[in-house]
Amino acid sequence: MPRATDELGLSAQRRRMQAVIRRLRRAYPDARCSLNYTTPLELLVATILSAQCTDERVNLVTKDLFQKYRSAADYAQADLETLQADIRSTGFYRNKAKALQGMGQRLVEAFGGEVPRAMDDLLTLPGVARKTANVVLGNAFGQAPGVVVDTHVRRLSARLGFSNAPTPEKIERDLMAMTPRRHYVMLPHWLIFHGRAVCRARGPRCGECVLADLCPAAGASQSARTPPRESRRQAAGRGVKPARST
């Protein structure tokens, strides 16, 4: 019986996910990867740099970086201090420079200087975990081995009641279980665009949200910010100024 109940719950979640996807797809028809790139190597580098950094800052840095470092060998042979200076403004630049240099060396030694197209191979590169590998495979190679989970995806997955798992890997598994494979690549882009525009970490705009009636968190968020009308009227009738919400 518990298993049947679980299956019924998953079926309901899948239907709700389909509705969420339909609405986000209409709301953000131009959603895409926010990192600028023209080759798989550029996307790989940009994604490594994006850790703890905004995509806007990464795009500013890579505009010149991609002119200077054009191949895996360029990163492999780079002077480490110079590379650190080139990416300094992305933060954690020492670790990132070391990862880029090691990534270049690994690509040259094991993959002929080309970015591999398999998850297991990508995960052998310094600085590359599953999120980065998913970004590269999905956006550069059109593959869909999984769902990218960043801070926006994690936040919206919890608010929408799709996953409260404690790790990105478990959140990814939850989302994969209820999302059609054909939407694995685009779902994170839609959620990220929505997270930046409406469902912000602070001050989510639930009143403007196309998902409000599908979101368990929407009602709680609204009531936390806006005192009920009845309370305002009752307070006015007693000649008491209603307390402001905080």
C-alpha atoms as a PDB file:
ATOM      1  CA  MET A   1       0.000   0.000   0.000  1.00  0.00           C
ATOM      2  CA  PRO A   2       2.737   2.568   0.808  1.00  0.00           C
ATOM      3  CA  ARG A   3       4.273   1.913  -2.590  1.00  0.00           C
ATOM      4  CA  ALA A   4       0.933   2.502  -4.353  1.00  0.00           C
ATOM      5  CA  THR A   5       0.521   5.730  -2.372  1.00  0.00           C
ATOM      6  CA  ASP A   6       4.008   6.856  -3.401  1.00  0.00           C
ATOM      7  CA  GLU A   7       3.234   6.123  -7.028  1.00  0.00           C
ATOM      8  CA  LEU A   8       0.005   8.138  -6.812  1.00  0.00           C
ATOM      9  CA  GLY A   9       1.919  11.027  -5.277  1.00  0.00           C
ATOM     10  CA  LEU A  10       4.570  10.916  -7.994  1.00  0.00           C
ATOM     11  CA  SER A  11       1.883  10.843 -10.670  1.00  0.00           C
ATOM     12  CA  ALA A  12       0.313  13.989  -9.212  1.00  0.00           C
ATOM     13  CA  GLN A  13       3.707  15.672  -9.073  1.00  0.00           C
ATOM     14  CA  ARG A  14       4.340  14.792 -12.708  1.00  0.00           C
ATOM     15  CA  ARG A  15       1.040  16.379 -13.734  1.00  0.00           C
ATOM     16  CA  ARG A  16       1.836  19.497 -11.736  1.00  0.00           C
ATOM     17  CA  MET A  17       5.323  19.662 -13.246  1.00  0.00           C
ATOM     18  CA  GLN A  18       3.793  19.488 -16.731  1.00  0.00           C
ATOM     19  CA  ALA A  19       1.573  22.457 -15.861  1.00  0.00           C
ATOM     20  CA  VAL A  20       4.546  24.386 -14.481  1.00  0.00           C
ATOM     21  CA  ILE A  21       6.556  23.702 -17.628  1.00  0.00           C
ATOM     22  CA  ARG A  22       3.723  24.838 -19.909  1.00  0.00           C
ATOM     23  CA  ARG A  23       3.370  28.150 -18.087  1.00  0.00           C
ATOM     24  CA  LEU A  24       7.097  28.861 -17.790  1.00  0.00           C
ATOM     25  CA  ARG A  25       7.584  27.994 -21.431  1.00  0.00           C
ATOM     26  CA  ARG A  26       5.026  30.634 -22.412  1.00  0.00           C
ATOM     27  CA  ALA A  27       6.360  33.182 -19.931  1.00  0.00           C
ATOM     28  CA  TYR A  28      10.032  32.818 -20.973  1.00  0.00           C
ATOM     29  CA  PRO A  29      10.161  31.832 -24.650  1.00  0.00           C
ATOM     30  CA  ASP A  30      13.714  33.195 -24.965  1.00  0.00           C
ATOM     31  CA  ALA A  31      15.140  31.377 -21.941  1.00  0.00           C
ATOM     32  CA  ARG A  32      18.617  30.026 -22.600  1.00  0.00           C
ATOM     33  CA  CYS A  33      22.028  29.582 -21.034  1.00  0.00           C
ATOM     34  CA  SER A  34      23.093  33.006 -19.765  1.00  0.00           C
ATOM     35  CA  LEU A  35      26.794  32.328 -20.262  1.00  0.00           C
ATOM     36  CA  ASN A  36      28.302  33.553 -23.533  1.00  0.00           C
ATOM     37  CA  TYR A  37      30.225  30.932 -25.513  1.00  0.00           C
ATOM     38  CA  THR A  38      30.833  29.722 -29.050  1.00  0.00           C
ATOM     39  CA  THR A  39      32.545  26.357 -28.427  1.00  0.00           C
ATOM     40  CA  PRO A  40      32.223  23.529 -25.891  1.00  0.00           C
ATOM     41  CA  LEU A  41      35.580  24.538 -24.391  1.00  0.00           C
ATOM     42  CA  GLU A  42      34.397  28.109 -23.868  1.00  0.00           C
ATOM     43  CA  LEU A  43      31.234  26.895 -22.167  1.00  0.00           C
ATOM     44  CA  LEU A  44      33.262  24.552 -19.966  1.00  0.00           C
ATOM     45  CA  VAL A  45      35.572  27.398 -18.911  1.00  0.00           C
ATOM     46  CA  ALA A  46      32.701  29.826 -18.331  1.00  0.00           C
ATOM     47  CA  THR A  47      30.814  27.311 -16.202  1.00  0.00           C
ATOM     48  CA  ILE A  48      33.867  26.648 -14.039  1.00  0.00           C
ATOM     49  CA  LEU A  49      34.271  30.402 -13.544  1.00  0.00           C
ATOM     50  CA  SER A  50      30.570  30.828 -12.687  1.00  0.00           C
ATOM     51  CA  ALA A  51      30.933  29.112  -9.309  1.00  0.00           C
ATOM     52  CA  GLN A  52      30.084  31.708  -6.637  1.00  0.00           C
ATOM     53  CA  CYS A  53      29.960  34.380  -9.335  1.00  0.00           C
ATOM     54  CA  THR A  54      27.244  36.010 -11.430  1.00  0.00           C
ATOM     55  CA  ASP A  55      26.902  35.105 -15.084  1.00  0.00           C
ATOM     56  CA  GLU A  56      27.151  38.801 -15.943  1.00  0.00           C
ATOM     57  CA  ARG A  57      30.580  39.061 -14.326  1.00  0.00           C
ATOM     58  CA  VAL A  58      31.736  35.853 -15.999  1.00  0.00           C
ATOM     59  CA  ASN A  59      30.672  37.180 -19.403  1.00  0.00           C
ATOM     60  CA  LEU A  60      32.678  40.363 -18.822  1.00  0.00           C
ATOM     61  CA  VAL A  61      35.773  38.349 -17.942  1.00  0.00           C
ATOM     62  CA  THR A  62      35.488  35.773 -20.727  1.00  0.00           C
ATOM     63  CA  LYS A  63      35.100  38.448 -23.402  1.00  0.00           C
ATOM     64  CA  ASP A  64      38.872  39.020 -23.196  1.00  0.00           C
ATOM     65  CA  LEU A  65      39.807  35.617 -21.783  1.00  0.00           C
ATOM     66  CA  PHE A  66      38.523  33.733 -24.836  1.00  0.00           C
ATOM     67  CA  GLN A  67      40.629  35.935 -27.100  1.00  0.00           C
ATOM     68  CA  LYS A  68      43.754  35.106 -25.125  1.00  0.00           C
ATOM     69  CA  TYR A  69      43.176  31.394 -24.451  1.00  0.00           C
ATOM     70  CA  ARG A  70      41.759  29.677 -27.518  1.00  0.00           C
ATOM     71  CA  SER A  71      42.555  26.002 -26.907  1.00  0.00           C
ATOM     72  CA  ALA A  72      42.949  23.457 -24.151  1.00  0.00           C
ATOM     73  CA  ALA A  73      46.705  23.669 -24.685  1.00  0.00           C
ATOM     74  CA  ASP A  74      46.608  27.408 -23.976  1.00  0.00           C
ATOM     75  CA  TYR A  75      45.140  26.743 -20.538  1.00  0.00           C
ATOM     76  CA  ALA A  76      47.476  23.808 -19.945  1.00  0.00           C
ATOM     77  CA  GLN A  77      50.541  25.924 -20.688  1.00  0.00           C
ATOM     78  CA  ALA A  78      49.325  29.126 -19.042  1.00  0.00           C
ATOM     79  CA  ASP A  79      51.418  30.881 -16.428  1.00  0.00           C
ATOM     80  CA  LEU A  80      49.407  30.311 -13.267  1.00  0.00           C
ATOM     81  CA  GLU A  81      49.880  33.799 -11.816  1.00  0.00           C
ATOM     82  CA  THR A  82      48.928  35.417 -15.118  1.00  0.00           C
ATOM     83  CA  LEU A  83      45.826  33.236 -15.391  1.00  0.00           C
ATOM     84  CA  GLN A  84      44.889  34.164 -11.832  1.00  0.00           C
ATOM     85  CA  ALA A  85      45.119  37.842 -12.727  1.00  0.00           C
ATOM     86  CA  ASP A  86      43.015  37.292 -15.854  1.00  0.00           C
ATOM     87  CA  ILE A  87      40.107  35.802 -13.870  1.00  0.00           C
ATOM     88  CA  ARG A  88      40.595  37.585 -10.537  1.00  0.00           C
ATOM     89  CA  SER A  89      37.258  39.420 -10.531  1.00  0.00           C
ATOM     90  CA  THR A  90      35.264  36.142 -10.658  1.00  0.00           C
ATOM     91  CA  GLY A  91      36.331  35.330  -7.102  1.00  0.00           C
ATOM     92  CA  PHE A  92      38.180  32.270  -5.754  1.00  0.00           C
ATOM     93  CA  TYR A  93      40.562  32.981  -8.609  1.00  0.00           C
ATOM     94  CA  ARG A  94      43.457  30.899  -7.264  1.00  0.00           C
ATOM     95  CA  ASN A  95      41.407  27.701  -7.111  1.00  0.00           C
ATOM     96  CA  LYS A  96      39.710  28.474 -10.423  1.00  0.00           C
ATOM     97  CA  ALA A  97      43.003  29.182 -12.196  1.00  0.00           C
ATOM     98  CA  LYS A  98      44.436  25.923 -10.882  1.00  0.00           C
ATOM     99  CA  ALA A  99      41.307  24.080 -12.063  1.00  0.00           C
ATOM    100  CA  LEU A 100      41.472  25.665 -15.545  1.00  0.00           C
ATOM    101  CA  GLN A 101      45.141  24.783 -15.913  1.00  0.00           C
ATOM    102  CA  GLY A 102      44.529  21.210 -14.737  1.00  0.00           C
ATOM    103  CA  MET A 103      41.474  20.941 -16.986  1.00  0.00           C
ATOM    104  CA  GLY A 104      43.554  21.993 -20.000  1.00  0.00           C
ATOM    105  CA  GLN A 105      46.272  19.501 -19.155  1.00  0.00           C
ATOM    106  CA  ARG A 106      43.784  16.661 -18.745  1.00  0.00           C
ATOM    107  CA  LEU A 107      42.062  17.509 -22.040  1.00  0.00           C
ATOM    108  CA  VAL A 108      45.388  17.515 -23.890  1.00  0.00           C
ATOM    109  CA  GLU A 109      46.694  14.335 -22.289  1.00  0.00           C
ATOM    110  CA  ALA A 110      43.536  12.212 -22.333  1.00  0.00           C
ATOM    111  CA  PHE A 111      41.171  13.629 -24.962  1.00  0.00           C
ATOM    112  CA  GLY A 112      43.290  15.115 -27.719  1.00  0.00           C
ATOM    113  CA  GLY A 113      42.506  18.631 -26.567  1.00  0.00           C
ATOM    114  CA  GLU A 114      38.763  18.188 -27.158  1.00  0.00           C
ATOM    115  CA  VAL A 115      35.972  18.403 -24.588  1.00  0.00           C
ATOM    116  CA  PRO A 116      34.598  14.878 -24.115  1.00  0.00           C
ATOM    117  CA  ARG A 117      30.929  14.119 -24.715  1.00  0.00           C
ATOM    118  CA  ALA A 118      30.448  11.597 -21.900  1.00  0.00           C
ATOM    119  CA  MET A 119      29.519  12.359 -18.304  1.00  0.00           C
ATOM    120  CA  ASP A 120      32.081   9.961 -16.830  1.00  0.00           C
ATOM    121  CA  ASP A 121      34.872  11.533 -18.896  1.00  0.00           C
ATOM    122  CA  LEU A 122      33.877  15.093 -17.992  1.00  0.00           C
ATOM    123  CA  LEU A 123      33.884  14.221 -14.303  1.00  0.00           C
ATOM    124  CA  THR A 124      37.584  13.349 -14.536  1.00  0.00           C
ATOM    125  CA  LEU A 125      38.424  16.985 -15.353  1.00  0.00           C
ATOM    126  CA  PRO A 126      39.651  19.242 -12.528  1.00  0.00           C
ATOM    127  CA  GLY A 127      36.990  21.748 -11.489  1.00  0.00           C
ATOM    128  CA  VAL A 128      34.145  19.734 -13.023  1.00  0.00           C
ATOM    129  CA  ALA A 129      31.328  18.242 -10.948  1.00  0.00           C
ATOM    130  CA  ARG A 130      27.967  16.959 -12.134  1.00  0.00           C
ATOM    131  CA  LYS A 131      26.357  20.398 -12.442  1.00  0.00           C
ATOM    132  CA  THR A 132      29.112  21.656 -14.772  1.00  0.00           C
ATOM    133  CA  ALA A 133      29.022  18.433 -16.781  1.00  0.00           C
ATOM    134  CA  ASN A 134      25.244  18.723 -17.187  1.00  0.00           C
ATOM    135  CA  VAL A 135      25.587  22.326 -18.393  1.00  0.00           C
ATOM    136  CA  VAL A 136      28.155  21.368 -21.024  1.00  0.00           C
ATOM    137  CA  LEU A 137      26.416  18.204 -22.219  1.00  0.00           C
ATOM    138  CA  GLY A 138      22.998  19.826 -22.396  1.00  0.00           C
ATOM    139  CA  ASN A 139      23.907  23.166 -23.965  1.00  0.00           C
ATOM    140  CA  ALA A 140      26.987  22.392 -26.053  1.00  0.00           C
ATOM    141  CA  PHE A 141      26.167  18.839 -27.155  1.00  0.00           C
ATOM    142  CA  GLY A 142      22.372  18.617 -26.920  1.00  0.00           C
ATOM    143  CA  GLN A 143      22.476  15.682 -24.528  1.00  0.00           C
ATOM    144  CA  ALA A 144      20.178  15.290 -21.523  1.00  0.00           C
ATOM    145  CA  PRO A 145      21.762  13.034 -18.901  1.00  0.00           C
ATOM    146  CA  GLY A 146      20.289  15.067 -16.050  1.00  0.00           C
ATOM    147  CA  VAL A 147      18.958  18.370 -14.743  1.00  0.00           C
ATOM    148  CA  VAL A 148      21.225  21.267 -13.785  1.00  0.00           C
ATOM    149  CA  VAL A 149      20.674  22.294 -10.153  1.00  0.00           C
ATOM    150  CA  ASP A 150      21.945  25.739  -9.199  1.00  0.00           C
ATOM    151  CA  THR A 151      20.829  28.062  -6.408  1.00  0.00           C
ATOM    152  CA  HIS A 152      17.728  29.234  -8.326  1.00  0.00           C
ATOM    153  CA  VAL A 153      16.652  25.701  -9.243  1.00  0.00           C
ATOM    154  CA  ARG A 154      17.204  24.570  -5.683  1.00  0.00           C
ATOM    155  CA  ARG A 155      15.136  27.432  -4.239  1.00  0.00           C
ATOM    156  CA  LEU A 156      12.245  27.084  -6.678  1.00  0.00           C
ATOM    157  CA  SER A 157      12.175  23.298  -6.364  1.00  0.00           C
ATOM    158  CA  ALA A 158      11.623  23.700  -2.622  1.00  0.00           C
ATOM    159  CA  ARG A 159       9.053  26.486  -2.913  1.00  0.00           C
ATOM    160  CA  LEU A 160       7.086  24.616  -5.554  1.00  0.00           C
ATOM    161  CA  GLY A 161       7.110  21.500  -3.400  1.00  0.00           C
ATOM    162  CA  PHE A 162       9.028  19.367  -5.876  1.00  0.00           C
ATOM    163  CA  SER A 163      12.036  18.641  -3.680  1.00  0.00           C
ATOM    164  CA  ASN A 164      13.328  19.546  -0.239  1.00  0.00           C
ATOM    165  CA  ALA A 165      16.320  17.246  -0.586  1.00  0.00           C
ATOM    166  CA  PRO A 166      19.505  18.470   1.126  1.00  0.00           C
ATOM    167  CA  THR A 167      21.927  18.033  -1.791  1.00  0.00           C
ATOM    168  CA  PRO A 168      21.927  19.057  -5.472  1.00  0.00           C
ATOM    169  CA  GLU A 169      22.351  15.418  -6.477  1.00  0.00           C
ATOM    170  CA  LYS A 170      19.205  14.342  -4.636  1.00  0.00           C
ATOM    171  CA  ILE A 171      17.256  17.348  -5.920  1.00  0.00           C
ATOM    172  CA  GLU A 172      18.305  16.395  -9.431  1.00  0.00           C
ATOM    173  CA  ARG A 173      17.043  12.851  -8.955  1.00  0.00           C
ATOM    174  CA  ASP A 174      13.708  14.144  -7.649  1.00  0.00           C
ATOM    175  CA  LEU A 175      13.279  16.495 -10.619  1.00  0.00           C
ATOM    176  CA  MET A 176      14.274  13.810 -13.120  1.00  0.00           C
ATOM    177  CA  ALA A 177      11.614  11.482 -11.676  1.00  0.00           C
ATOM    178  CA  MET A 178       8.804  13.936 -12.467  1.00  0.00           C
ATOM    179  CA  THR A 179      10.138  15.740 -15.574  1.00  0.00           C
ATOM    180  CA  PRO A 180       9.937  14.379 -19.131  1.00  0.00           C
ATOM    181  CA  ARG A 181      13.447  13.788 -20.431  1.00  0.00           C
ATOM    182  CA  ARG A 182      12.870  16.129 -23.367  1.00  0.00           C
ATOM    183  CA  HIS A 183      12.658  19.001 -20.854  1.00  0.00           C
ATOM    184  CA  TYR A 184      15.775  18.153 -18.805  1.00  0.00           C
ATOM    185  CA  VAL A 185      17.901  20.813 -20.511  1.00  0.00           C
ATOM    186  CA  MET A 186      15.347  23.629 -20.630  1.00  0.00           C
ATOM    187  CA  LEU A 187      13.704  23.206 -17.217  1.00  0.00           C
ATOM    188  CA  PRO A 188      16.647  24.793 -15.361  1.00  0.00           C
ATOM    189  CA  HIS A 189      16.703  27.742 -17.794  1.00  0.00           C
ATOM    190  CA  TRP A 190      12.985  28.396 -17.251  1.00  0.00           C
ATOM    191  CA  LEU A 191      13.356  28.119 -13.483  1.00  0.00           C
ATOM    192  CA  ILE A 192      16.431  30.357 -13.451  1.00  0.00           C
ATOM    193  CA  PHE A 193      14.732  33.057 -15.530  1.00  0.00           C
ATOM    194  CA  HIS A 194      11.677  32.875 -13.275  1.00  0.00           C
ATOM    195  CA  GLY A 195      13.828  32.937 -10.159  1.00  0.00           C
ATOM    196  CA  ARG A 196      15.605  36.080 -11.285  1.00  0.00           C
ATOM    197  CA  ALA A 197      12.494  37.902 -12.490  1.00  0.00           C
ATOM    198  CA  VAL A 198       9.788  36.900 -10.001  1.00  0.00           C
ATOM    199  CA  CYS A 199      10.565  34.161  -7.487  1.00  0.00           C
ATOM    200  CA  ARG A 200      13.506  35.938  -5.890  1.00  0.00           C
ATOM    201  CA  ALA A 201      15.335  34.728  -2.827  1.00  0.00           C
ATOM    202  CA  ARG A 202      14.155  37.814  -0.944  1.00  0.00           C
ATOM    203  CA  GLY A 203      10.783  39.333  -1.652  1.00  0.00           C
ATOM    204  CA  PRO A 204       9.221  36.843  -4.095  1.00  0.00           C
ATOM    205  CA  ARG A 205       6.557  38.564  -6.203  1.00  0.00           C
ATOM    206  CA  CYS A 206       3.811  36.024  -5.649  1.00  0.00           C
ATOM    207  CA  GLY A 207       1.133  38.458  -6.819  1.00  0.00           C
ATOM    208  CA  GLU A 208       2.780  38.563 -10.259  1.00  0.00           C
ATOM    209  CA  CYS A 209       3.631  34.860 -10.464  1.00  0.00           C
ATOM    210  CA  VAL A 210       2.161  32.703 -13.228  1.00  0.00           C
ATOM    211  CA  LEU A 211       2.625  29.689 -10.935  1.00  0.00           C
ATOM    212  CA  ALA A 212       0.962  31.112  -7.816  1.00  0.00           C
ATOM    213  CA  ASP A 213      -2.022  28.724  -7.874  1.00  0.00           C
ATOM    214  CA  LEU A 214       0.324  25.762  -8.326  1.00  0.00           C
ATOM    215  CA  CYS A 215       2.801  26.805  -5.619  1.00  0.00           C
ATOM    216  CA  PRO A 216       2.443  25.655  -1.992  1.00  0.00           C
ATOM    217  CA  ALA A 217       4.637  28.547  -0.847  1.00  0.00           C
ATOM    218  CA  ALA A 218       2.669  31.314  -2.577  1.00  0.00           C
ATOM    219  CA  GLY A 219      -0.109  31.626   0.013  1.00  0.00           C
ATOM    220  CA  ALA A 220       2.270  31.607   2.951  1.00  0.00           C
ATOM    221  CA  SER A 221       4.495  34.195   1.320  1.00  0.00           C
ATOM    222  CA  GLN A 222       1.571  36.502   0.586  1.00  0.00           C
ATOM    223  CA  SER A 223       0.076  36.259   4.059  1.00  0.00           C
ATOM    224  CA  ALA A 224       3.461  36.879   5.642  1.00  0.00           C
ATOM    225  CA  ARG A 225       3.794  40.175   3.776  1.00  0.00           C
ATOM    226  CA  THR A 226       0.186  41.468   3.770  1.00  0.00           C
ATOM    227  CA  PRO A 227      -2.100  41.620   6.834  1.00  0.00           C
ATOM    228  CA  PRO A 228      -5.621  40.263   6.133  1.00  0.00           C
ATOM    229  CA  ARG A 229      -8.225  42.851   5.106  1.00  0.00           C
ATOM    230  CA  GLU A 230     -10.480  41.813   7.967  1.00  0.00           C
ATOM    231  CA  SER A 231      -7.837  42.776  10.491  1.00  0.00           C
ATOM    232  CA  ARG A 232      -7.413  46.206   8.884  1.00  0.00           C
ATOM    233  CA  ARG A 233     -11.146  46.882   8.929  1.00  0.00           C
ATOM    234  CA  GLN A 234     -11.518  45.693  12.509  1.00  0.00           C
ATOM    235  CA  ALA A 235      -8.611  47.833  13.609  1.00  0.00           C
ATOM    236  CA  ALA A 236     -10.052  50.874  11.824  1.00  0.00           C
ATOM    237  CA  GLY A 237     -13.401  50.303  13.496  1.00  0.00           C
ATOM    238  CA  ARG A 238     -11.718  50.360  16.901  1.00  0.00           C
ATOM    239  CA  GLY A 239      -9.827  53.527  16.024  1.00  0.00           C
ATOM    240  CA  VAL A 240      -6.547  51.643  16.140  1.00  0.00           C
ATOM    241  CA  LYS A 241      -3.928  52.053  13.483  1.00  0.00           C
ATOM    242  CA  PRO A 242      -3.210  48.575  12.047  1.00  0.00           C
ATOM    243  CA  ALA A 243       0.276  47.270  12.588  1.00  0.00           C
ATOM    244  CA  ARG A 244       2.554  47.325   9.585  1.00  0.00           C
ATOM    245  CA  SER A 245       3.795  44.012   8.302  1.00  0.00           C
ATOM    246  CA  THR A 246       7.538  43.455   8.375  1.00  0.00           C
END
